[in-house]
Amino acid sequence: MPNHAHLLVNPRASIAKINHSIRGYTGHEANRVLGRTGPFWQHESYDHWARDGDQFGRIASYIERNPVTAGLVGTPEGWRWSSAYVG
């Protein structure tokens, strides 16, 4: 997605720690590539716990269909940065 990212994980650490690590690394790298400094990510995030395998599957399907819903590709398999990608 051009303006946000989805990540579905089975964490072994706290969500806050994972989020901080991902945002810190990707923000630093994006700023380096763009030749800028300062905050990169907005402060908002949405965390959701999947309570069982069915809910985990529904969330995965939602994430994979998101680029299709946004009109960026015709099928989930067409989005290069998706677990559904077939390249």
PDB file of N, CA and C in Angstrom:
ATOM      1  N   MET A   1       0.848  -1.172   0.000  1.00  0.00           N
ATOM      2  CA  MET A   1       0.000   0.000   0.000  1.00  0.00           C
ATOM      3  C   MET A   1       0.898   1.241   0.000  1.00  0.00           C
ATOM      4  N   PRO A   2       0.534   2.237  -0.747  1.00  0.00           N
ATOM      5  CA  PRO A   2       1.412   3.404  -0.837  1.00  0.00           C
ATOM      6  C   PRO A   2       1.420   4.277   0.415  1.00  0.00           C
ATOM      7  N   ASN A   3       0.399   4.174   1.273  1.00  0.00           N
ATOM      8  CA  ASN A   3       0.350   5.081   2.423  1.00  0.00           C
ATOM      9  C   ASN A   3       0.276   4.375   3.770  1.00  0.00           C
ATOM     10  N   HIS A   4       0.354   3.046   3.784  1.00  0.00           N
ATOM     11  CA  HIS A   4       0.383   2.328   5.055  1.00  0.00           C
ATOM     12  C   HIS A   4       0.888   0.903   4.826  1.00  0.00           C
ATOM     13  N   ALA A   5       1.136   0.205   5.916  1.00  0.00           N
ATOM     14  CA  ALA A   5       1.620  -1.171   5.830  1.00  0.00           C
ATOM     15  C   ALA A   5       0.801  -2.051   6.754  1.00  0.00           C
ATOM     16  N   HIS A   6       0.646  -3.301   6.364  1.00  0.00           N
ATOM     17  CA  HIS A   6       0.005  -4.305   7.204  1.00  0.00           C
ATOM     18  C   HIS A   6       1.054  -5.343   7.562  1.00  0.00           C
ATOM     19  N   LEU A   7       1.022  -5.810   8.791  1.00  0.00           N
ATOM     20  CA  LEU A   7       1.940  -6.844   9.234  1.00  0.00           C
ATOM     21  C   LEU A   7       1.176  -7.799  10.128  1.00  0.00           C
ATOM     22  N   LEU A   8       1.199  -9.078   9.802  1.00  0.00           N
ATOM     23  CA  LEU A   8       0.530 -10.100  10.601  1.00  0.00           C
ATOM     24  C   LEU A   8       1.598 -11.053  11.097  1.00  0.00           C
ATOM     25  N   VAL A   9       1.748 -11.128  12.412  1.00  0.00           N
ATOM     26  CA  VAL A   9       2.822 -11.931  13.007  1.00  0.00           C
ATOM     27  C   VAL A   9       2.302 -12.766  14.167  1.00  0.00           C
ATOM     28  N   ASN A  10       3.046 -13.800  14.481  1.00  0.00           N
ATOM     29  CA  ASN A  10       2.880 -14.562  15.706  1.00  0.00           C
ATOM     30  C   ASN A  10       4.014 -14.106  16.621  1.00  0.00           C
ATOM     31  N   PRO A  11       3.789 -13.087  17.456  1.00  0.00           N
ATOM     32  CA  PRO A  11       4.901 -12.449  18.178  1.00  0.00           C
ATOM     33  C   PRO A  11       5.460 -13.276  19.322  1.00  0.00           C
ATOM     34  N   ARG A  12       6.759 -13.092  19.546  1.00  0.00           N
ATOM     35  CA  ARG A  12       7.436 -13.657  20.715  1.00  0.00           C
ATOM     36  C   ARG A  12       7.885 -12.534  21.641  1.00  0.00           C
ATOM     37  N   ALA A  13       7.593 -11.315  21.237  1.00  0.00           N
ATOM     38  CA  ALA A  13       7.901 -10.132  22.047  1.00  0.00           C
ATOM     39  C   ALA A  13       6.642  -9.271  22.057  1.00  0.00           C
ATOM     40  N   SER A  14       6.650  -8.228  22.859  1.00  0.00           N
ATOM     41  CA  SER A  14       5.482  -7.359  22.939  1.00  0.00           C
ATOM     42  C   SER A  14       5.280  -6.627  21.611  1.00  0.00           C
ATOM     43  N   ILE A  15       4.027  -6.343  21.293  1.00  0.00           N
ATOM     44  CA  ILE A  15       3.704  -5.608  20.074  1.00  0.00           C
ATOM     45  C   ILE A  15       4.417  -4.253  20.077  1.00  0.00           C
ATOM     46  N   ALA A  16       4.450  -3.603  21.227  1.00  0.00           N
ATOM     47  CA  ALA A  16       5.100  -2.295  21.315  1.00  0.00           C
ATOM     48  C   ALA A  16       6.579  -2.400  20.951  1.00  0.00           C
ATOM     49  N   LYS A  17       7.258  -3.435  21.415  1.00  0.00           N
ATOM     50  CA  LYS A  17       8.681  -3.616  21.128  1.00  0.00           C
ATOM     51  C   LYS A  17       8.895  -3.913  19.641  1.00  0.00           C
ATOM     52  N   ILE A  18       8.052  -4.759  19.076  1.00  0.00           N
ATOM     53  CA  ILE A  18       8.147  -5.082  17.645  1.00  0.00           C
ATOM     54  C   ILE A  18       7.900  -3.830  16.812  1.00  0.00           C
ATOM     55  N   ASN A  19       6.832  -3.105  17.141  1.00  0.00           N
ATOM     56  CA  ASN A  19       6.471  -1.887  16.410  1.00  0.00           C
ATOM     57  C   ASN A  19       7.604  -0.868  16.467  1.00  0.00           C
ATOM     58  N   HIS A  20       8.181  -0.676  17.638  1.00  0.00           N
ATOM     59  CA  HIS A  20       9.288   0.278  17.806  1.00  0.00           C
ATOM     60  C   HIS A  20      10.481  -0.130  16.939  1.00  0.00           C
ATOM     61  N   SER A  21      10.804  -1.407  16.930  1.00  0.00           N
ATOM     62  CA  SER A  21      11.943  -1.894  16.166  1.00  0.00           C
ATOM     63  C   SER A  21      11.730  -1.709  14.667  1.00  0.00           C
ATOM     64  N   ILE A  22      10.566  -2.092  14.180  1.00  0.00           N
ATOM     65  CA  ILE A  22      10.266  -1.971  12.750  1.00  0.00           C
ATOM     66  C   ILE A  22      10.246  -0.509  12.325  1.00  0.00           C
ATOM     67  N   ARG A  23       9.546   0.308  13.087  1.00  0.00           N
ATOM     68  CA  ARG A  23       9.447   1.726  12.736  1.00  0.00           C
ATOM     69  C   ARG A  23      10.802   2.422  12.823  1.00  0.00           C
ATOM     70  N   GLY A  24      11.596   2.078  13.812  1.00  0.00           N
ATOM     71  CA  GLY A  24      12.908   2.695  13.952  1.00  0.00           C
ATOM     72  C   GLY A  24      13.802   2.373  12.762  1.00  0.00           C
ATOM     73  N   TYR A  25      13.867   1.098  12.398  1.00  0.00           N
ATOM     74  CA  TYR A  25      14.732   0.694  11.289  1.00  0.00           C
ATOM     75  C   TYR A  25      14.227   1.251   9.963  1.00  0.00           C
ATOM     76  N   THR A  26      12.952   1.043   9.656  1.00  0.00           N
ATOM     77  CA  THR A  26      12.433   1.475   8.352  1.00  0.00           C
ATOM     78  C   THR A  26      12.414   2.994   8.234  1.00  0.00           C
ATOM     79  N   GLY A  27      12.117   3.694   9.317  1.00  0.00           N
ATOM     80  CA  GLY A  27      12.142   5.153   9.288  1.00  0.00           C
ATOM     81  C   GLY A  27      13.533   5.689   9.018  1.00  0.00           C
ATOM     82  N   HIS A  28      14.527   5.108   9.684  1.00  0.00           N
ATOM     83  CA  HIS A  28      15.918   5.522   9.476  1.00  0.00           C
ATOM     84  C   HIS A  28      16.341   5.265   8.036  1.00  0.00           C
ATOM     85  N   GLU A  29      16.042   4.077   7.522  1.00  0.00           N
ATOM     86  CA  GLU A  29      16.433   3.731   6.147  1.00  0.00           C
ATOM     87  C   GLU A  29      15.705   4.594   5.117  1.00  0.00           C
ATOM     88  N   ALA A  30      14.416   4.827   5.318  1.00  0.00           N
ATOM     89  CA  ALA A  30      13.653   5.664   4.378  1.00  0.00           C
ATOM     90  C   ALA A  30      14.211   7.084   4.371  1.00  0.00           C
ATOM     91  N   ASN A  31      14.499   7.629   5.538  1.00  0.00           N
ATOM     92  CA  ASN A  31      15.082   8.973   5.607  1.00  0.00           C
ATOM     93  C   ASN A  31      16.450   9.014   4.925  1.00  0.00           C
ATOM     94  N   ARG A  32      17.251   7.964   5.092  1.00  0.00           N
ATOM     95  CA  ARG A  32      18.564   7.904   4.443  1.00  0.00           C
ATOM     96  C   ARG A  32      18.406   7.915   2.924  1.00  0.00           C
ATOM     97  N   VAL A  33      17.509   7.079   2.412  1.00  0.00           N
ATOM     98  CA  VAL A  33      17.286   7.006   0.963  1.00  0.00           C
ATOM     99  C   VAL A  33      16.742   8.328   0.426  1.00  0.00           C
ATOM    100  N   LEU A  34      15.867   8.952   1.190  1.00  0.00           N
ATOM    101  CA  LEU A  34      15.243  10.205   0.753  1.00  0.00           C
ATOM    102  C   LEU A  34      16.098  11.436   1.042  1.00  0.00           C
ATOM    103  N   GLY A  35      17.201  11.253   1.753  1.00  0.00           N
ATOM    104  CA  GLY A  35      18.080  12.373   2.076  1.00  0.00           C
ATOM    105  C   GLY A  35      17.445  13.367   3.025  1.00  0.00           C
ATOM    106  N   ARG A  36      16.704  12.866   4.003  1.00  0.00           N
ATOM    107  CA  ARG A  36      16.057  13.763   4.946  1.00  0.00           C
ATOM    108  C   ARG A  36      16.274  13.285   6.371  1.00  0.00           C
ATOM    109  N   THR A  37      15.825  14.075   7.333  1.00  0.00           N
ATOM    110  CA  THR A  37      15.924  13.713   8.744  1.00  0.00           C
ATOM    111  C   THR A  37      14.581  13.971   9.406  1.00  0.00           C
ATOM    112  N   GLY A  38      14.474  13.536  10.644  1.00  0.00           N
ATOM    113  CA  GLY A  38      13.261  13.788  11.415  1.00  0.00           C
ATOM    114  C   GLY A  38      12.294  12.626  11.372  1.00  0.00           C
ATOM    115  N   PRO A  39      11.157  12.798  12.009  1.00  0.00           N
ATOM    116  CA  PRO A  39      10.175  11.723  12.071  1.00  0.00           C
ATOM    117  C   PRO A  39       9.726  11.282  10.677  1.00  0.00           C
ATOM    118  N   PHE A  40       9.579   9.986  10.505  1.00  0.00           N
ATOM    119  CA  PHE A  40       9.117   9.446   9.229  1.00  0.00           C
ATOM    120  C   PHE A  40       7.688   8.917   9.354  1.00  0.00           C
ATOM    121  N   TRP A  41       7.426   8.131  10.384  1.00  0.00           N
ATOM    122  CA  TRP A  41       6.112   7.510  10.563  1.00  0.00           C
ATOM    123  C   TRP A  41       5.185   8.405  11.381  1.00  0.00           C
ATOM    124  N   GLN A  42       3.891   8.343  11.077  1.00  0.00           N
ATOM    125  CA  GLN A  42       2.895   8.999  11.923  1.00  0.00           C
ATOM    126  C   GLN A  42       2.787   8.208  13.221  1.00  0.00           C
ATOM    127  N   HIS A  43       2.204   8.803  14.239  1.00  0.00           N
ATOM    128  CA  HIS A  43       2.128   8.156  15.545  1.00  0.00           C
ATOM    129  C   HIS A  43       0.987   7.156  15.669  1.00  0.00           C
ATOM    130  N   GLU A  44       0.117   7.122  14.687  1.00  0.00           N
ATOM    131  CA  GLU A  44      -1.006   6.191  14.787  1.00  0.00           C
ATOM    132  C   GLU A  44      -0.581   4.779  14.417  1.00  0.00           C
ATOM    133  N   SER A  45      -1.230   3.803  15.012  1.00  0.00           N
ATOM    134  CA  SER A  45      -1.111   2.409  14.601  1.00  0.00           C
ATOM    135  C   SER A  45      -2.334   1.688  15.139  1.00  0.00           C
ATOM    136  N   TYR A  46      -2.616   0.575  14.546  1.00  0.00           N
ATOM    137  CA  TYR A  46      -3.771  -0.209  14.962  1.00  0.00           C
ATOM    138  C   TYR A  46      -3.298  -1.619  15.225  1.00  0.00           C
ATOM    139  N   ASP A  47      -3.387  -2.061  16.455  1.00  0.00           N
ATOM    140  CA  ASP A  47      -3.002  -3.419  16.823  1.00  0.00           C
ATOM    141  C   ASP A  47      -4.253  -4.226  17.089  1.00  0.00           C
ATOM    142  N   HIS A  48      -4.264  -5.449  16.629  1.00  0.00           N
ATOM    143  CA  HIS A  48      -5.414  -6.316  16.821  1.00  0.00           C
ATOM    144  C   HIS A  48      -4.915  -7.730  17.104  1.00  0.00           C
ATOM    145  N   TRP A  49      -5.426  -8.336  18.158  1.00  0.00           N
ATOM    146  CA  TRP A  49      -5.051  -9.705  18.498  1.00  0.00           C
ATOM    147  C   TRP A  49      -6.001 -10.685  17.823  1.00  0.00           C
ATOM    148  N   ALA A  50      -5.453 -11.655  17.098  1.00  0.00           N
ATOM    149  CA  ALA A  50      -6.255 -12.749  16.534  1.00  0.00           C
ATOM    150  C   ALA A  50      -6.446 -13.786  17.641  1.00  0.00           C
ATOM    151  N   ARG A  51      -7.675 -14.090  17.958  1.00  0.00           N
ATOM    152  CA  ARG A  51      -7.962 -14.965  19.089  1.00  0.00           C
ATOM    153  C   ARG A  51      -7.905 -16.452  18.754  1.00  0.00           C
ATOM    154  N   ASP A  52      -7.971 -16.777  17.467  1.00  0.00           N
ATOM    155  CA  ASP A  52      -7.895 -18.182  17.064  1.00  0.00           C
ATOM    156  C   ASP A  52      -7.449 -18.264  15.601  1.00  0.00           C
ATOM    157  N   GLY A  53      -7.266 -19.484  15.117  1.00  0.00           N
ATOM    158  CA  GLY A  53      -6.792 -19.688  13.755  1.00  0.00           C
ATOM    159  C   GLY A  53      -7.728 -19.148  12.694  1.00  0.00           C
ATOM    160  N   ASP A  54      -9.039 -19.254  12.935  1.00  0.00           N
ATOM    161  CA  ASP A  54     -10.007 -18.723  11.963  1.00  0.00           C
ATOM    162  C   ASP A  54      -9.876 -17.215  11.820  1.00  0.00           C
ATOM    163  N   GLN A  55      -9.768 -16.532  12.952  1.00  0.00           N
ATOM    164  CA  GLN A  55      -9.630 -15.069  12.912  1.00  0.00           C
ATOM    165  C   GLN A  55      -8.300 -14.674  12.277  1.00  0.00           C
ATOM    166  N   PHE A  56      -7.246 -15.414  12.562  1.00  0.00           N
ATOM    167  CA  PHE A  56      -5.947 -15.161  11.944  1.00  0.00           C
ATOM    168  C   PHE A  56      -6.070 -15.260  10.421  1.00  0.00           C
ATOM    169  N   GLY A  57      -6.779 -16.291   9.949  1.00  0.00           N
ATOM    170  CA  GLY A  57      -6.998 -16.476   8.512  1.00  0.00           C
ATOM    171  C   GLY A  57      -7.801 -15.343   7.890  1.00  0.00           C
ATOM    172  N   ARG A  58      -8.832 -14.866   8.598  1.00  0.00           N
ATOM    173  CA  ARG A  58      -9.635 -13.752   8.085  1.00  0.00           C
ATOM    174  C   ARG A  58      -8.804 -12.474   7.989  1.00  0.00           C
ATOM    175  N   ILE A  59      -7.950 -12.233   8.969  1.00  0.00           N
ATOM    176  CA  ILE A  59      -7.090 -11.058   8.949  1.00  0.00           C
ATOM    177  C   ILE A  59      -6.096 -11.168   7.787  1.00  0.00           C
ATOM    178  N   ALA A  60      -5.515 -12.347   7.601  1.00  0.00           N
ATOM    179  CA  ALA A  60      -4.576 -12.560   6.490  1.00  0.00           C
ATOM    180  C   ALA A  60      -5.269 -12.305   5.152  1.00  0.00           C
ATOM    181  N   SER A  61      -6.485 -12.796   5.004  1.00  0.00           N
ATOM    182  CA  SER A  61      -7.236 -12.588   3.767  1.00  0.00           C
ATOM    183  C   SER A  61      -7.526 -11.107   3.556  1.00  0.00           C
ATOM    184  N   TYR A  62      -7.922 -10.415   4.607  1.00  0.00           N
ATOM    185  CA  TYR A  62      -8.175  -8.971   4.514  1.00  0.00           C
ATOM    186  C   TYR A  62      -6.926  -8.235   4.034  1.00  0.00           C
ATOM    187  N   ILE A  63      -5.784  -8.566   4.633  1.00  0.00           N
ATOM    188  CA  ILE A  63      -4.528  -7.903   4.275  1.00  0.00           C
ATOM    189  C   ILE A  63      -4.184  -8.187   2.818  1.00  0.00           C
ATOM    190  N   GLU A  64      -4.325  -9.425   2.390  1.00  0.00           N
ATOM    191  CA  GLU A  64      -3.988  -9.783   1.014  1.00  0.00           C
ATOM    192  C   GLU A  64      -4.943  -9.147   0.001  1.00  0.00           C
ATOM    193  N   ARG A  65      -6.187  -8.921   0.379  1.00  0.00           N
ATOM    194  CA  ARG A  65      -7.158  -8.309  -0.535  1.00  0.00           C
ATOM    195  C   ARG A  65      -7.103  -6.781  -0.519  1.00  0.00           C
ATOM    196  N   ASN A  66      -6.435  -6.190   0.447  1.00  0.00           N
ATOM    197  CA  ASN A  66      -6.410  -4.742   0.591  1.00  0.00           C
ATOM    198  C   ASN A  66      -5.946  -4.011  -0.665  1.00  0.00           C
ATOM    199  N   PRO A  67      -4.868  -4.420  -1.340  1.00  0.00           N
ATOM    200  CA  PRO A  67      -4.462  -3.724  -2.570  1.00  0.00           C
ATOM    201  C   PRO A  67      -5.486  -3.860  -3.702  1.00  0.00           C
ATOM    202  N   VAL A  68      -6.242  -4.951  -3.702  1.00  0.00           N
ATOM    203  CA  VAL A  68      -7.300  -5.134  -4.704  1.00  0.00           C
ATOM    204  C   VAL A  68      -8.426  -4.151  -4.425  1.00  0.00           C
ATOM    205  N   THR A  69      -8.834  -4.069  -3.164  1.00  0.00           N
ATOM    206  CA  THR A  69      -9.888  -3.138  -2.753  1.00  0.00           C
ATOM    207  C   THR A  69      -9.503  -1.698  -3.067  1.00  0.00           C
ATOM    208  N   ALA A  70      -8.221  -1.380  -2.930  1.00  0.00           N
ATOM    209  CA  ALA A  70      -7.739  -0.028  -3.209  1.00  0.00           C
ATOM    210  C   ALA A  70      -7.567   0.235  -4.709  1.00  0.00           C
ATOM    211  N   GLY A  71      -7.791  -0.787  -5.528  1.00  0.00           N
ATOM    212  CA  GLY A  71      -7.697  -0.617  -6.974  1.00  0.00           C
ATOM    213  C   GLY A  71      -6.272  -0.596  -7.509  1.00  0.00           C
ATOM    214  N   LEU A  72      -5.332  -1.123  -6.748  1.00  0.00           N
ATOM    215  CA  LEU A  72      -3.930  -1.106  -7.164  1.00  0.00           C
ATOM    216  C   LEU A  72      -3.555  -2.308  -8.030  1.00  0.00           C
ATOM    217  N   VAL A  73      -4.251  -3.411  -7.844  1.00  0.00           N
ATOM    218  CA  VAL A  73      -4.027  -4.627  -8.627  1.00  0.00           C
ATOM    219  C   VAL A  73      -5.364  -5.338  -8.815  1.00  0.00           C
ATOM    220  N   GLY A  74      -5.393  -6.288  -9.732  1.00  0.00           N
ATOM    221  CA  GLY A  74      -6.638  -7.018  -9.999  1.00  0.00           C
ATOM    222  C   GLY A  74      -6.859  -8.207  -9.084  1.00  0.00           C
ATOM    223  N   THR A  75      -5.772  -8.800  -8.593  1.00  0.00           N
ATOM    224  CA  THR A  75      -5.864  -9.958  -7.706  1.00  0.00           C
ATOM    225  C   THR A  75      -4.826  -9.828  -6.596  1.00  0.00           C
ATOM    226  N   PRO A  76      -5.032 -10.486  -5.450  1.00  0.00           N
ATOM    227  CA  PRO A  76      -4.033 -10.428  -4.382  1.00  0.00           C
ATOM    228  C   PRO A  76      -2.663 -10.926  -4.843  1.00  0.00           C
ATOM    229  N   GLU A  77      -2.656 -11.879  -5.754  1.00  0.00           N
ATOM    230  CA  GLU A  77      -1.400 -12.440  -6.240  1.00  0.00           C
ATOM    231  C   GLU A  77      -0.580 -11.442  -7.054  1.00  0.00           C
ATOM    232  N   GLY A  78      -1.202 -10.350  -7.470  1.00  0.00           N
ATOM    233  CA  GLY A  78      -0.511  -9.342  -8.250  1.00  0.00           C
ATOM    234  C   GLY A  78       0.240  -8.301  -7.439  1.00  0.00           C
ATOM    235  N   TRP A  79       0.035  -8.256  -6.130  1.00  0.00           N
ATOM    236  CA  TRP A  79       0.699  -7.258  -5.290  1.00  0.00           C
ATOM    237  C   TRP A  79       2.051  -7.804  -4.837  1.00  0.00           C
ATOM    238  N   ARG A  80       3.109  -7.213  -5.354  1.00  0.00           N
ATOM    239  CA  ARG A  80       4.463  -7.726  -5.173  1.00  0.00           C
ATOM    240  C   ARG A  80       4.883  -7.885  -3.712  1.00  0.00           C
ATOM    241  N   TRP A  81       4.379  -7.059  -2.824  1.00  0.00           N
ATOM    242  CA  TRP A  81       4.821  -7.061  -1.442  1.00  0.00           C
ATOM    243  C   TRP A  81       3.890  -7.860  -0.535  1.00  0.00           C
ATOM    244  N   SER A  82       3.110  -8.762  -1.116  1.00  0.00           N
ATOM    245  CA  SER A  82       2.134  -9.557  -0.373  1.00  0.00           C
ATOM    246  C   SER A  82       2.571 -11.004  -0.237  1.00  0.00           C
ATOM    247  N   SER A  83       2.107 -11.640   0.830  1.00  0.00           N
ATOM    248  CA  SER A  83       2.332 -13.078   0.971  1.00  0.00           C
ATOM    249  C   SER A  83       1.587 -13.859  -0.105  1.00  0.00           C
ATOM    250  N   ALA A  84       0.627 -13.234  -0.772  1.00  0.00           N
ATOM    251  CA  ALA A  84      -0.130 -13.890  -1.849  1.00  0.00           C
ATOM    252  C   ALA A  84       0.576 -13.779  -3.197  1.00  0.00           C
ATOM    253  N   TYR A  85       1.629 -12.972  -3.262  1.00  0.00           N
ATOM    254  CA  TYR A  85       2.294 -12.678  -4.542  1.00  0.00           C
ATOM    255  C   TYR A  85       2.773 -13.946  -5.243  1.00  0.00           C
ATOM    256  N   VAL A  86       2.498 -14.016  -6.534  1.00  0.00           N
ATOM    257  CA  VAL A  86       3.008 -15.087  -7.380  1.00  0.00           C
ATOM    258  C   VAL A  86       3.837 -14.423  -8.462  1.00  0.00           C
ATOM    259  N   GLY A  87       5.132 -14.561  -8.371  1.00  0.00           N
ATOM    260  CA  GLY A  87       5.993 -13.859  -9.306  1.00  0.00           C
ATOM    261  C   GLY A  87       6.767 -14.722 -10.133  1.00  0.00           C
TER     262      GLY A  87
END
